Amino acid sequence: MKEENNVLNGVKAVVVDLDGTIYDKTGLAQRIVARLWWCLPLLAAERFARRNAHYVQFASEEEFFGFFFETMARGHWWGAGIARAWYFEVYLPTMVGLIRRYHHPRKEVLELIREAKAKGLKVAIYSDYGAVVEKLEALGIAPDMFDLLISAPELGALKPSEPCARRVLDMIEATPETTLFIGDRDDKDGASARAVGARFLKI
């Protein structure tokens, strides 16, 4: 992959998105709805909470999810506790199971990651969702091939939070000028890169 390897010139660290980048997530949303049809109101509430959580920065993961689940519960019969249990015990495990059954890694992205590791570059997974380790294992990818596995909520926000992106760089001891962000969404992954002055490759 000579052309793609050229993007690593001058790069010392790579920050890779997971959902939609490491694997093609086409059809995943529809499969989740089909599998979790019995809790469509909760699925809609999760989407609503995610939209409302964008561009809001919290001091910790606990504060982020406190806001997130309170927003999911707003105007509904369930409370934040039920929303939290559903998210971590039903929604994310269902997503992981569907990824394991129907989705596969993008060969070109894995090749680029392996090339980066072979060059001695730091490589981080930076996701907007949780269950990072579980998703990688579902895809047959060894989590220990990465120098950092982190989700934006763990840092108190969602992409394209500038403080969160900077925290990721700090955690892998990288500078923006020599870091390449890789992702499938310009409004999240690309915006994260631009927020800290790093390069971006859209998949």
N, C-alpha and C. Protein backbone atom coordinates (compact mmCIF):
# COMPACT_ATOMS: atom_id res chain seq x y z
N MET A 1 0.85 -1.20 0.00
CA MET A 1 0.00 0.00 0.00
C MET A 1 0.88 1.25 0.00
N LYS A 2 1.61 1.41 -1.08
CA LYS A 2 2.60 2.48 -1.16
C LYS A 2 2.00 3.85 -0.93
N GLU A 3 0.82 4.12 -1.55
CA GLU A 3 0.21 5.44 -1.43
C GLU A 3 -0.15 5.74 0.01
N GLU A 4 -0.76 4.78 0.71
CA GLU A 4 -1.20 5.01 2.06
C GLU A 4 -0.02 5.15 3.01
N ASN A 5 1.09 4.39 2.73
CA ASN A 5 2.26 4.49 3.58
C ASN A 5 2.84 5.89 3.54
N ASN A 6 2.65 6.60 2.43
CA ASN A 6 3.17 7.96 2.33
C ASN A 6 2.57 8.88 3.38
N VAL A 7 1.37 8.58 3.85
CA VAL A 7 0.73 9.46 4.84
C VAL A 7 1.45 9.40 6.18
N LEU A 8 2.31 8.40 6.37
CA LEU A 8 3.05 8.28 7.62
C LEU A 8 4.36 9.06 7.62
N ASN A 9 4.70 9.66 6.50
CA ASN A 9 5.92 10.45 6.45
C ASN A 9 5.85 11.62 7.44
N GLY A 10 6.84 11.71 8.29
CA GLY A 10 6.88 12.78 9.28
C GLY A 10 5.98 12.56 10.47
N VAL A 11 5.33 11.40 10.54
CA VAL A 11 4.40 11.10 11.63
C VAL A 11 5.11 10.27 12.71
N LYS A 12 4.84 10.61 13.97
CA LYS A 12 5.40 9.86 15.09
C LYS A 12 4.33 9.18 15.93
N ALA A 13 3.07 9.58 15.72
CA ALA A 13 1.96 8.99 16.46
C ALA A 13 0.71 8.97 15.59
N VAL A 14 -0.11 7.93 15.77
CA VAL A 14 -1.35 7.78 15.00
C VAL A 14 -2.49 7.57 15.97
N VAL A 15 -3.57 8.34 15.80
CA VAL A 15 -4.76 8.22 16.64
C VAL A 15 -5.90 7.75 15.74
N VAL A 16 -6.40 6.54 16.00
CA VAL A 16 -7.36 5.90 15.10
C VAL A 16 -8.73 5.78 15.76
N ASP A 17 -9.75 6.19 15.03
CA ASP A 17 -11.14 5.99 15.46
C ASP A 17 -11.46 4.50 15.34
N LEU A 18 -12.47 4.05 16.05
CA LEU A 18 -12.84 2.63 16.02
C LEU A 18 -14.06 2.36 15.14
N ASP A 19 -15.24 2.79 15.59
CA ASP A 19 -16.48 2.47 14.88
C ASP A 19 -16.57 3.22 13.55
N GLY A 20 -16.62 2.45 12.47
CA GLY A 20 -16.70 3.06 11.14
C GLY A 20 -15.35 3.25 10.49
N THR A 21 -14.28 3.08 11.27
CA THR A 21 -12.92 3.26 10.74
C THR A 21 -12.16 1.95 10.76
N ILE A 22 -11.99 1.35 11.93
CA ILE A 22 -11.36 0.04 12.01
C ILE A 22 -12.22 -0.99 11.26
N TYR A 23 -13.52 -0.81 11.32
CA TYR A 23 -14.42 -1.69 10.57
C TYR A 23 -15.51 -0.85 9.91
N ASP A 24 -16.07 -1.38 8.83
CA ASP A 24 -17.18 -0.73 8.13
C ASP A 24 -18.46 -1.02 8.91
N LYS A 25 -19.08 0.02 9.43
CA LYS A 25 -20.26 -0.19 10.27
C LYS A 25 -21.57 -0.10 9.49
N THR A 26 -21.51 -0.16 8.17
CA THR A 26 -22.72 -0.13 7.36
C THR A 26 -23.68 -1.23 7.81
N GLY A 27 -24.91 -0.85 8.10
CA GLY A 27 -25.93 -1.81 8.51
C GLY A 27 -25.99 -2.07 10.00
N LEU A 28 -25.00 -1.60 10.75
CA LEU A 28 -24.98 -1.89 12.19
C LEU A 28 -26.16 -1.24 12.90
N ALA A 29 -26.46 0.01 12.60
CA ALA A 29 -27.57 0.69 13.27
C ALA A 29 -28.89 -0.04 13.02
N GLN A 30 -29.09 -0.46 11.78
CA GLN A 30 -30.33 -1.18 11.45
C GLN A 30 -30.40 -2.52 12.19
N ARG A 31 -29.26 -3.19 12.31
CA ARG A 31 -29.24 -4.47 13.02
C ARG A 31 -29.53 -4.28 14.51
N ILE A 32 -29.02 -3.19 15.07
CA ILE A 32 -29.29 -2.91 16.49
C ILE A 32 -30.78 -2.67 16.70
N VAL A 33 -31.39 -1.89 15.83
CA VAL A 33 -32.83 -1.62 15.94
C VAL A 33 -33.63 -2.91 15.81
N ALA A 34 -33.25 -3.76 14.85
CA ALA A 34 -33.96 -5.02 14.65
C ALA A 34 -33.83 -5.94 15.86
N ARG A 35 -32.64 -5.96 16.47
CA ARG A 35 -32.41 -6.82 17.63
C ARG A 35 -33.07 -6.26 18.88
N LEU A 36 -33.07 -4.93 19.02
CA LEU A 36 -33.59 -4.31 20.24
C LEU A 36 -34.91 -3.58 19.98
N TRP A 37 -35.75 -4.15 19.10
CA TRP A 37 -37.02 -3.53 18.75
C TRP A 37 -37.91 -3.33 19.97
N TRP A 38 -37.73 -4.18 20.97
CA TRP A 38 -38.58 -4.13 22.16
C TRP A 38 -38.26 -2.93 23.06
N CYS A 39 -37.16 -2.25 22.79
CA CYS A 39 -36.82 -1.06 23.59
C CYS A 39 -36.49 0.13 22.71
N LEU A 40 -37.31 0.31 21.66
CA LEU A 40 -37.11 1.44 20.76
C LEU A 40 -37.11 2.80 21.48
N PRO A 41 -37.96 3.01 22.49
CA PRO A 41 -37.91 4.30 23.19
C PRO A 41 -36.55 4.55 23.85
N LEU A 42 -35.92 3.52 24.38
CA LEU A 42 -34.60 3.67 24.98
C LEU A 42 -33.54 3.97 23.91
N LEU A 43 -33.66 3.33 22.76
CA LEU A 43 -32.74 3.63 21.66
C LEU A 43 -32.86 5.08 21.23
N ALA A 44 -34.09 5.55 21.12
CA ALA A 44 -34.32 6.95 20.74
C ALA A 44 -33.79 7.90 21.80
N ALA A 45 -33.95 7.52 23.07
CA ALA A 45 -33.46 8.35 24.17
C ALA A 45 -31.93 8.40 24.17
N GLU A 46 -31.28 7.30 23.79
CA GLU A 46 -29.82 7.28 23.71
C GLU A 46 -29.34 8.24 22.63
N ARG A 47 -30.02 8.24 21.49
CA ARG A 47 -29.66 9.17 20.40
C ARG A 47 -29.86 10.61 20.86
N PHE A 48 -30.96 10.86 21.55
CA PHE A 48 -31.26 12.21 22.04
C PHE A 48 -30.18 12.67 23.03
N ALA A 49 -29.81 11.80 23.95
CA ALA A 49 -28.80 12.16 24.94
C ALA A 49 -27.45 12.40 24.28
N ARG A 50 -27.11 11.60 23.27
CA ARG A 50 -25.83 11.76 22.59
C ARG A 50 -25.77 13.11 21.87
N ARG A 51 -26.88 13.49 21.22
CA ARG A 51 -26.91 14.79 20.55
C ARG A 51 -26.75 15.93 21.56
N ASN A 52 -27.39 15.79 22.71
CA ASN A 52 -27.34 16.85 23.72
C ASN A 52 -26.00 16.91 24.43
N ALA A 53 -25.25 15.81 24.40
CA ALA A 53 -23.96 15.78 25.09
C ALA A 53 -22.83 16.34 24.24
N HIS A 54 -23.08 16.53 22.94
CA HIS A 54 -22.03 17.08 22.09
C HIS A 54 -21.70 18.51 22.51
N TYR A 55 -20.41 18.81 22.46
CA TYR A 55 -19.90 20.15 22.76
C TYR A 55 -20.09 20.54 24.23
N VAL A 56 -20.35 19.55 25.10
CA VAL A 56 -20.41 19.80 26.54
C VAL A 56 -19.23 19.07 27.17
N GLN A 57 -18.39 19.79 27.89
CA GLN A 57 -17.21 19.20 28.50
C GLN A 57 -17.42 19.03 29.99
N PHE A 58 -17.15 17.83 30.48
CA PHE A 58 -17.27 17.54 31.90
C PHE A 58 -15.90 17.22 32.48
N ALA A 59 -15.81 17.27 33.78
CA ALA A 59 -14.52 17.08 34.44
C ALA A 59 -14.11 15.62 34.52
N SER A 60 -15.07 14.72 34.38
CA SER A 60 -14.76 13.30 34.54
C SER A 60 -15.75 12.44 33.78
N GLU A 61 -15.41 11.16 33.66
CA GLU A 61 -16.32 10.19 33.05
C GLU A 61 -17.61 10.08 33.86
N GLU A 62 -17.48 10.11 35.18
CA GLU A 62 -18.65 10.01 36.05
C GLU A 62 -19.62 11.16 35.80
N GLU A 63 -19.09 12.38 35.68
CA GLU A 63 -19.96 13.54 35.43
C GLU A 63 -20.60 13.45 34.05
N PHE A 64 -19.82 12.99 33.07
CA PHE A 64 -20.37 12.86 31.71
C PHE A 64 -21.56 11.91 31.71
N PHE A 65 -21.37 10.71 32.28
CA PHE A 65 -22.44 9.73 32.24
C PHE A 65 -23.60 10.12 33.16
N GLY A 66 -23.32 10.88 34.21
CA GLY A 66 -24.41 11.39 35.03
C GLY A 66 -25.34 12.23 34.19
N PHE A 67 -24.77 13.17 33.41
CA PHE A 67 -25.56 14.01 32.51
C PHE A 67 -26.23 13.17 31.44
N PHE A 68 -25.48 12.23 30.87
CA PHE A 68 -25.96 11.43 29.76
C PHE A 68 -27.21 10.62 30.15
N PHE A 69 -27.14 9.94 31.29
CA PHE A 69 -28.26 9.09 31.68
C PHE A 69 -29.43 9.89 32.25
N GLU A 70 -29.15 11.02 32.87
CA GLU A 70 -30.25 11.90 33.29
C GLU A 70 -30.99 12.43 32.07
N THR A 71 -30.25 12.73 31.01
CA THR A 71 -30.87 13.20 29.77
C THR A 71 -31.68 12.09 29.12
N MET A 72 -31.16 10.87 29.16
CA MET A 72 -31.91 9.73 28.61
C MET A 72 -33.23 9.52 29.34
N ALA A 73 -33.24 9.82 30.64
CA ALA A 73 -34.44 9.56 31.45
C ALA A 73 -35.45 10.70 31.40
N ARG A 74 -35.03 11.86 30.90
CA ARG A 74 -35.89 13.04 30.90
C ARG A 74 -37.21 12.79 30.15
N GLY A 75 -38.32 12.97 30.83
CA GLY A 75 -39.64 12.83 30.20
C GLY A 75 -40.11 11.41 30.03
N HIS A 76 -39.37 10.42 30.60
CA HIS A 76 -39.74 9.02 30.44
C HIS A 76 -40.05 8.40 31.80
N TRP A 77 -40.64 7.20 31.76
CA TRP A 77 -40.98 6.52 33.01
C TRP A 77 -39.76 5.95 33.71
N TRP A 78 -38.70 5.65 32.94
CA TRP A 78 -37.51 5.06 33.55
C TRP A 78 -36.62 6.16 34.15
N GLY A 79 -35.84 5.78 35.13
CA GLY A 79 -34.90 6.71 35.74
C GLY A 79 -33.51 6.56 35.16
N ALA A 80 -32.60 7.38 35.63
CA ALA A 80 -31.22 7.35 35.13
C ALA A 80 -30.57 6.00 35.42
N GLY A 81 -30.93 5.37 36.54
CA GLY A 81 -30.35 4.07 36.87
C GLY A 81 -30.72 3.00 35.87
N ILE A 82 -31.97 3.00 35.43
CA ILE A 82 -32.41 2.03 34.43
C ILE A 82 -31.73 2.31 33.10
N ALA A 83 -31.60 3.59 32.75
CA ALA A 83 -30.93 3.97 31.51
C ALA A 83 -29.47 3.49 31.53
N ARG A 84 -28.80 3.67 32.66
CA ARG A 84 -27.40 3.24 32.79
C ARG A 84 -27.28 1.72 32.63
N ALA A 85 -28.14 0.98 33.34
CA ALA A 85 -28.09 -0.48 33.26
C ALA A 85 -28.35 -0.96 31.84
N TRP A 86 -29.34 -0.37 31.19
CA TRP A 86 -29.67 -0.76 29.81
C TRP A 86 -28.49 -0.49 28.89
N TYR A 87 -27.85 0.66 29.03
CA TYR A 87 -26.75 1.04 28.14
C TYR A 87 -25.58 0.08 28.26
N PHE A 88 -25.17 -0.22 29.49
CA PHE A 88 -23.98 -1.04 29.70
C PHE A 88 -24.26 -2.55 29.67
N GLU A 89 -25.48 -2.94 29.99
CA GLU A 89 -25.78 -4.37 30.08
C GLU A 89 -26.56 -4.92 28.87
N VAL A 90 -27.17 -4.03 28.10
CA VAL A 90 -27.95 -4.47 26.93
C VAL A 90 -27.41 -3.85 25.64
N TYR A 91 -27.37 -2.54 25.58
CA TYR A 91 -27.03 -1.83 24.33
C TYR A 91 -25.61 -2.14 23.85
N LEU A 92 -24.61 -1.88 24.69
CA LEU A 92 -23.24 -2.11 24.25
C LEU A 92 -22.94 -3.59 24.00
N PRO A 93 -23.38 -4.53 24.88
CA PRO A 93 -23.15 -5.94 24.57
C PRO A 93 -23.83 -6.39 23.27
N THR A 94 -25.02 -5.86 22.99
CA THR A 94 -25.69 -6.19 21.73
C THR A 94 -24.88 -5.69 20.55
N MET A 95 -24.36 -4.47 20.64
CA MET A 95 -23.53 -3.92 19.58
C MET A 95 -22.30 -4.78 19.34
N VAL A 96 -21.64 -5.18 20.42
CA VAL A 96 -20.45 -6.01 20.32
C VAL A 96 -20.78 -7.35 19.65
N GLY A 97 -21.89 -7.96 20.06
CA GLY A 97 -22.29 -9.23 19.47
C GLY A 97 -22.57 -9.13 17.98
N LEU A 98 -23.21 -8.05 17.57
CA LEU A 98 -23.51 -7.86 16.15
C LEU A 98 -22.24 -7.59 15.35
N ILE A 99 -21.31 -6.85 15.94
CA ILE A 99 -20.02 -6.61 15.27
C ILE A 99 -19.30 -7.94 15.06
N ARG A 100 -19.30 -8.78 16.09
CA ARG A 100 -18.63 -10.08 16.00
C ARG A 100 -19.25 -10.93 14.87
N ARG A 101 -20.56 -10.88 14.73
CA ARG A 101 -21.23 -11.75 13.77
C ARG A 101 -21.20 -11.22 12.34
N TYR A 102 -21.34 -9.90 12.17
CA TYR A 102 -21.57 -9.37 10.83
C TYR A 102 -20.46 -8.48 10.27
N HIS A 103 -19.54 -8.04 11.09
CA HIS A 103 -18.59 -7.03 10.61
C HIS A 103 -17.15 -7.53 10.68
N HIS A 104 -16.32 -6.94 9.84
CA HIS A 104 -14.92 -7.36 9.72
C HIS A 104 -14.02 -6.13 9.66
N PRO A 105 -12.77 -6.28 10.07
CA PRO A 105 -11.84 -5.15 10.01
C PRO A 105 -11.59 -4.71 8.57
N ARG A 106 -11.33 -3.44 8.39
CA ARG A 106 -10.91 -2.94 7.09
C ARG A 106 -9.44 -3.32 6.90
N LYS A 107 -9.15 -4.08 5.88
CA LYS A 107 -7.78 -4.56 5.66
C LYS A 107 -6.80 -3.41 5.46
N GLU A 108 -7.25 -2.36 4.74
CA GLU A 108 -6.34 -1.26 4.46
C GLU A 108 -5.98 -0.48 5.72
N VAL A 109 -6.93 -0.40 6.65
CA VAL A 109 -6.66 0.31 7.91
C VAL A 109 -5.72 -0.50 8.78
N LEU A 110 -5.96 -1.81 8.88
CA LEU A 110 -5.08 -2.66 9.66
C LEU A 110 -3.67 -2.66 9.09
N GLU A 111 -3.56 -2.65 7.77
CA GLU A 111 -2.24 -2.61 7.13
C GLU A 111 -1.51 -1.32 7.49
N LEU A 112 -2.25 -0.22 7.50
CA LEU A 112 -1.65 1.06 7.85
C LEU A 112 -1.20 1.08 9.32
N ILE A 113 -2.02 0.49 10.18
CA ILE A 113 -1.67 0.41 11.61
C ILE A 113 -0.43 -0.45 11.80
N ARG A 114 -0.39 -1.58 11.12
CA ARG A 114 0.78 -2.47 11.25
C ARG A 114 2.04 -1.78 10.73
N GLU A 115 1.90 -1.02 9.65
CA GLU A 115 3.04 -0.28 9.12
C GLU A 115 3.52 0.76 10.13
N ALA A 116 2.56 1.43 10.78
CA ALA A 116 2.93 2.43 11.79
C ALA A 116 3.67 1.77 12.95
N LYS A 117 3.17 0.61 13.41
CA LYS A 117 3.83 -0.09 14.50
C LYS A 117 5.23 -0.56 14.09
N ALA A 118 5.35 -1.03 12.86
CA ALA A 118 6.65 -1.48 12.37
C ALA A 118 7.66 -0.35 12.33
N LYS A 119 7.17 0.87 12.13
CA LYS A 119 8.04 2.05 12.11
C LYS A 119 8.34 2.55 13.51
N GLY A 120 7.74 1.91 14.52
CA GLY A 120 7.98 2.34 15.89
C GLY A 120 7.13 3.52 16.33
N LEU A 121 6.02 3.78 15.62
CA LEU A 121 5.14 4.89 15.97
C LEU A 121 4.20 4.50 17.10
N LYS A 122 3.78 5.47 17.89
CA LYS A 122 2.74 5.24 18.88
C LYS A 122 1.39 5.17 18.16
N VAL A 123 0.56 4.21 18.52
CA VAL A 123 -0.76 4.08 17.89
C VAL A 123 -1.82 3.96 18.99
N ALA A 124 -2.81 4.85 18.93
CA ALA A 124 -3.89 4.87 19.92
C ALA A 124 -5.23 4.66 19.25
N ILE A 125 -6.12 3.97 19.95
CA ILE A 125 -7.53 3.91 19.54
C ILE A 125 -8.27 4.95 20.37
N TYR A 126 -8.98 5.84 19.69
CA TYR A 126 -9.76 6.90 20.35
C TYR A 126 -11.17 6.83 19.82
N SER A 127 -12.09 6.31 20.65
CA SER A 127 -13.46 6.02 20.23
C SER A 127 -14.46 6.98 20.86
N ASP A 128 -15.61 7.14 20.21
CA ASP A 128 -16.68 7.96 20.78
C ASP A 128 -17.63 7.12 21.62
N TYR A 129 -17.43 5.80 21.60
CA TYR A 129 -18.26 4.87 22.37
C TYR A 129 -17.36 4.09 23.33
N GLY A 130 -17.97 3.29 24.17
CA GLY A 130 -17.21 2.44 25.06
C GLY A 130 -17.01 1.04 24.48
N ALA A 131 -16.69 0.07 25.36
CA ALA A 131 -16.48 -1.32 24.97
C ALA A 131 -15.39 -1.45 23.91
N VAL A 132 -14.34 -0.66 24.03
CA VAL A 132 -13.27 -0.66 23.03
C VAL A 132 -12.58 -2.02 22.96
N VAL A 133 -12.17 -2.55 24.10
CA VAL A 133 -11.50 -3.85 24.12
C VAL A 133 -12.41 -4.93 23.56
N GLU A 134 -13.66 -4.93 24.00
CA GLU A 134 -14.61 -5.96 23.56
C GLU A 134 -14.83 -5.91 22.05
N LYS A 135 -14.91 -4.72 21.49
CA LYS A 135 -15.12 -4.58 20.04
C LYS A 135 -13.90 -5.06 19.26
N LEU A 136 -12.71 -4.70 19.73
CA LEU A 136 -11.50 -5.16 19.05
C LEU A 136 -11.42 -6.69 19.08
N GLU A 137 -11.71 -7.27 20.22
CA GLU A 137 -11.68 -8.74 20.32
C GLU A 137 -12.75 -9.38 19.43
N ALA A 138 -13.92 -8.73 19.32
CA ALA A 138 -14.97 -9.23 18.45
C ALA A 138 -14.54 -9.22 16.99
N LEU A 139 -13.66 -8.29 16.64
CA LEU A 139 -13.15 -8.17 15.27
C LEU A 139 -11.92 -9.05 15.05
N GLY A 140 -11.46 -9.72 16.10
CA GLY A 140 -10.28 -10.57 15.97
C GLY A 140 -8.99 -9.79 16.01
N ILE A 141 -9.02 -8.60 16.61
CA ILE A 141 -7.83 -7.74 16.69
C ILE A 141 -7.32 -7.74 18.14
N ALA A 142 -6.04 -7.98 18.32
CA ALA A 142 -5.46 -8.02 19.66
C ALA A 142 -5.37 -6.61 20.24
N PRO A 143 -6.03 -6.34 21.35
CA PRO A 143 -5.98 -5.00 21.94
C PRO A 143 -4.56 -4.55 22.31
N ASP A 144 -3.68 -5.52 22.62
CA ASP A 144 -2.35 -5.13 23.07
C ASP A 144 -1.43 -4.67 21.94
N MET A 145 -1.94 -4.63 20.71
CA MET A 145 -1.14 -4.07 19.63
C MET A 145 -1.15 -2.55 19.64
N PHE A 146 -2.00 -1.96 20.49
CA PHE A 146 -2.11 -0.50 20.58
C PHE A 146 -1.46 0.01 21.86
N ASP A 147 -0.95 1.23 21.78
CA ASP A 147 -0.31 1.86 22.94
C ASP A 147 -1.33 2.47 23.88
N LEU A 148 -2.51 2.76 23.39
CA LEU A 148 -3.57 3.37 24.21
C LEU A 148 -4.92 2.99 23.65
N LEU A 149 -5.83 2.60 24.55
CA LEU A 149 -7.23 2.36 24.19
C LEU A 149 -8.06 3.29 25.07
N ILE A 150 -8.79 4.21 24.46
CA ILE A 150 -9.54 5.19 25.25
C ILE A 150 -10.80 5.59 24.51
N SER A 151 -11.85 5.90 25.25
CA SER A 151 -13.07 6.44 24.66
C SER A 151 -13.23 7.87 25.14
N ALA A 152 -13.84 8.71 24.32
CA ALA A 152 -14.02 10.11 24.68
C ALA A 152 -14.78 10.29 26.00
N PRO A 153 -15.86 9.52 26.27
CA PRO A 153 -16.55 9.69 27.55
C PRO A 153 -15.65 9.47 28.77
N GLU A 154 -14.64 8.60 28.64
CA GLU A 154 -13.71 8.40 29.75
C GLU A 154 -12.97 9.69 30.09
N LEU A 155 -12.88 10.59 29.11
CA LEU A 155 -12.19 11.86 29.30
C LEU A 155 -13.16 13.00 29.54
N GLY A 156 -14.47 12.69 29.64
CA GLY A 156 -15.44 13.69 30.04
C GLY A 156 -16.24 14.35 28.95
N ALA A 157 -16.19 13.85 27.72
CA ALA A 157 -16.93 14.50 26.63
C ALA A 157 -17.07 13.55 25.45
N LEU A 158 -17.59 14.08 24.36
CA LEU A 158 -17.64 13.36 23.09
C LEU A 158 -16.79 14.11 22.08
N LYS A 159 -16.41 13.43 21.02
CA LYS A 159 -15.72 14.13 19.93
C LYS A 159 -16.64 15.19 19.35
N PRO A 160 -16.13 16.32 18.92
CA PRO A 160 -14.72 16.65 18.72
C PRO A 160 -14.11 17.51 19.84
N SER A 161 -14.31 17.13 21.08
CA SER A 161 -13.79 17.89 22.21
C SER A 161 -12.29 18.15 22.08
N GLU A 162 -11.92 19.41 22.12
CA GLU A 162 -10.49 19.77 22.02
C GLU A 162 -9.73 19.33 23.27
N PRO A 163 -10.25 19.53 24.50
CA PRO A 163 -9.53 19.05 25.68
C PRO A 163 -9.31 17.54 25.68
N CYS A 164 -10.31 16.79 25.21
CA CYS A 164 -10.17 15.33 25.16
C CYS A 164 -9.10 14.93 24.15
N ALA A 165 -9.10 15.55 22.99
CA ALA A 165 -8.09 15.23 21.98
C ALA A 165 -6.69 15.54 22.50
N ARG A 166 -6.56 16.64 23.22
CA ARG A 166 -5.26 16.99 23.80
C ARG A 166 -4.84 15.98 24.86
N ARG A 167 -5.81 15.50 25.64
CA ARG A 167 -5.50 14.49 26.65
C ARG A 167 -4.96 13.21 25.99
N VAL A 168 -5.56 12.85 24.87
CA VAL A 168 -5.09 11.66 24.15
C VAL A 168 -3.64 11.84 23.73
N LEU A 169 -3.33 13.02 23.18
CA LEU A 169 -1.94 13.29 22.77
C LEU A 169 -1.01 13.23 23.96
N ASP A 170 -1.44 13.80 25.08
CA ASP A 170 -0.60 13.77 26.29
C ASP A 170 -0.35 12.34 26.75
N MET A 171 -1.38 11.52 26.67
CA MET A 171 -1.27 10.15 27.16
C MET A 171 -0.30 9.30 26.34
N ILE A 172 -0.12 9.64 25.06
CA ILE A 172 0.84 8.90 24.24
C ILE A 172 2.10 9.73 24.00
N GLU A 173 2.21 10.84 24.73
CA GLU A 173 3.39 11.72 24.66
C GLU A 173 3.67 12.12 23.22
N ALA A 174 2.64 12.63 22.55
CA ALA A 174 2.74 13.02 21.15
C ALA A 174 2.52 14.51 20.99
N THR A 175 3.05 15.06 19.93
CA THR A 175 2.83 16.47 19.60
C THR A 175 1.87 16.55 18.41
N PRO A 176 1.04 17.59 18.34
CA PRO A 176 0.08 17.70 17.23
C PRO A 176 0.74 17.70 15.86
N GLU A 177 1.89 18.35 15.77
CA GLU A 177 2.56 18.50 14.47
C GLU A 177 3.00 17.17 13.88
N THR A 178 3.21 16.16 14.73
CA THR A 178 3.68 14.87 14.22
C THR A 178 2.67 13.75 14.48
N THR A 179 1.40 14.14 14.66
CA THR A 179 0.34 13.15 14.91
C THR A 179 -0.66 13.13 13.77
N LEU A 180 -1.06 11.93 13.37
CA LEU A 180 -2.07 11.73 12.34
C LEU A 180 -3.31 11.12 12.96
N PHE A 181 -4.44 11.80 12.81
CA PHE A 181 -5.74 11.25 13.22
C PHE A 181 -6.34 10.54 12.01
N ILE A 182 -6.93 9.37 12.23
CA ILE A 182 -7.58 8.61 11.16
C ILE A 182 -9.01 8.33 11.59
N GLY A 183 -9.98 8.64 10.73
CA GLY A 183 -11.37 8.42 11.08
C GLY A 183 -12.27 8.46 9.88
N ASP A 184 -13.53 8.11 10.09
CA ASP A 184 -14.49 8.07 8.99
C ASP A 184 -15.40 9.29 8.94
N ARG A 185 -15.30 10.17 9.97
CA ARG A 185 -16.19 11.33 10.02
C ARG A 185 -15.38 12.62 10.17
N ASP A 186 -15.56 13.50 9.21
CA ASP A 186 -14.84 14.77 9.27
C ASP A 186 -15.35 15.65 10.41
N ASP A 187 -16.66 15.54 10.72
CA ASP A 187 -17.23 16.40 11.75
C ASP A 187 -16.84 15.97 13.16
N LYS A 188 -16.31 14.76 13.31
CA LYS A 188 -15.87 14.29 14.63
C LYS A 188 -14.37 14.05 14.66
N ASP A 189 -13.91 13.11 13.84
CA ASP A 189 -12.49 12.79 13.83
C ASP A 189 -11.65 13.91 13.21
N GLY A 190 -12.13 14.41 12.08
CA GLY A 190 -11.42 15.52 11.44
C GLY A 190 -11.42 16.76 12.30
N ALA A 191 -12.55 17.06 12.91
CA ALA A 191 -12.65 18.24 13.78
C ALA A 191 -11.77 18.09 15.01
N SER A 192 -11.65 16.87 15.53
CA SER A 192 -10.75 16.62 16.67
C SER A 192 -9.31 16.93 16.29
N ALA A 193 -8.92 16.46 15.10
CA ALA A 193 -7.56 16.72 14.63
C ALA A 193 -7.31 18.22 14.45
N ARG A 194 -8.26 18.90 13.80
CA ARG A 194 -8.09 20.33 13.57
C ARG A 194 -8.06 21.13 14.88
N ALA A 195 -8.81 20.66 15.87
CA ALA A 195 -8.87 21.36 17.15
C ALA A 195 -7.51 21.44 17.83
N VAL A 196 -6.66 20.41 17.59
CA VAL A 196 -5.35 20.41 18.23
C VAL A 196 -4.22 20.69 17.25
N GLY A 197 -4.56 20.90 15.98
CA GLY A 197 -3.54 21.21 14.98
C GLY A 197 -2.83 19.99 14.43
N ALA A 198 -3.51 18.83 14.41
CA ALA A 198 -2.91 17.61 13.89
C ALA A 198 -3.41 17.34 12.47
N ARG A 199 -2.79 16.39 11.81
CA ARG A 199 -3.19 15.99 10.46
C ARG A 199 -4.37 15.01 10.55
N PHE A 200 -5.11 14.88 9.45
CA PHE A 200 -6.27 13.99 9.43
C PHE A 200 -6.34 13.23 8.12
N LEU A 201 -6.60 11.93 8.24
CA LEU A 201 -6.85 11.07 7.08
C LEU A 201 -8.25 10.50 7.22
N LYS A 202 -9.10 10.82 6.24
CA LYS A 202 -10.47 10.32 6.27
C LYS A 202 -10.55 8.98 5.56
N ILE A 203 -11.21 8.03 6.23
CA ILE A 203 -11.43 6.70 5.66
C ILE A 203 -12.80 6.67 5.01
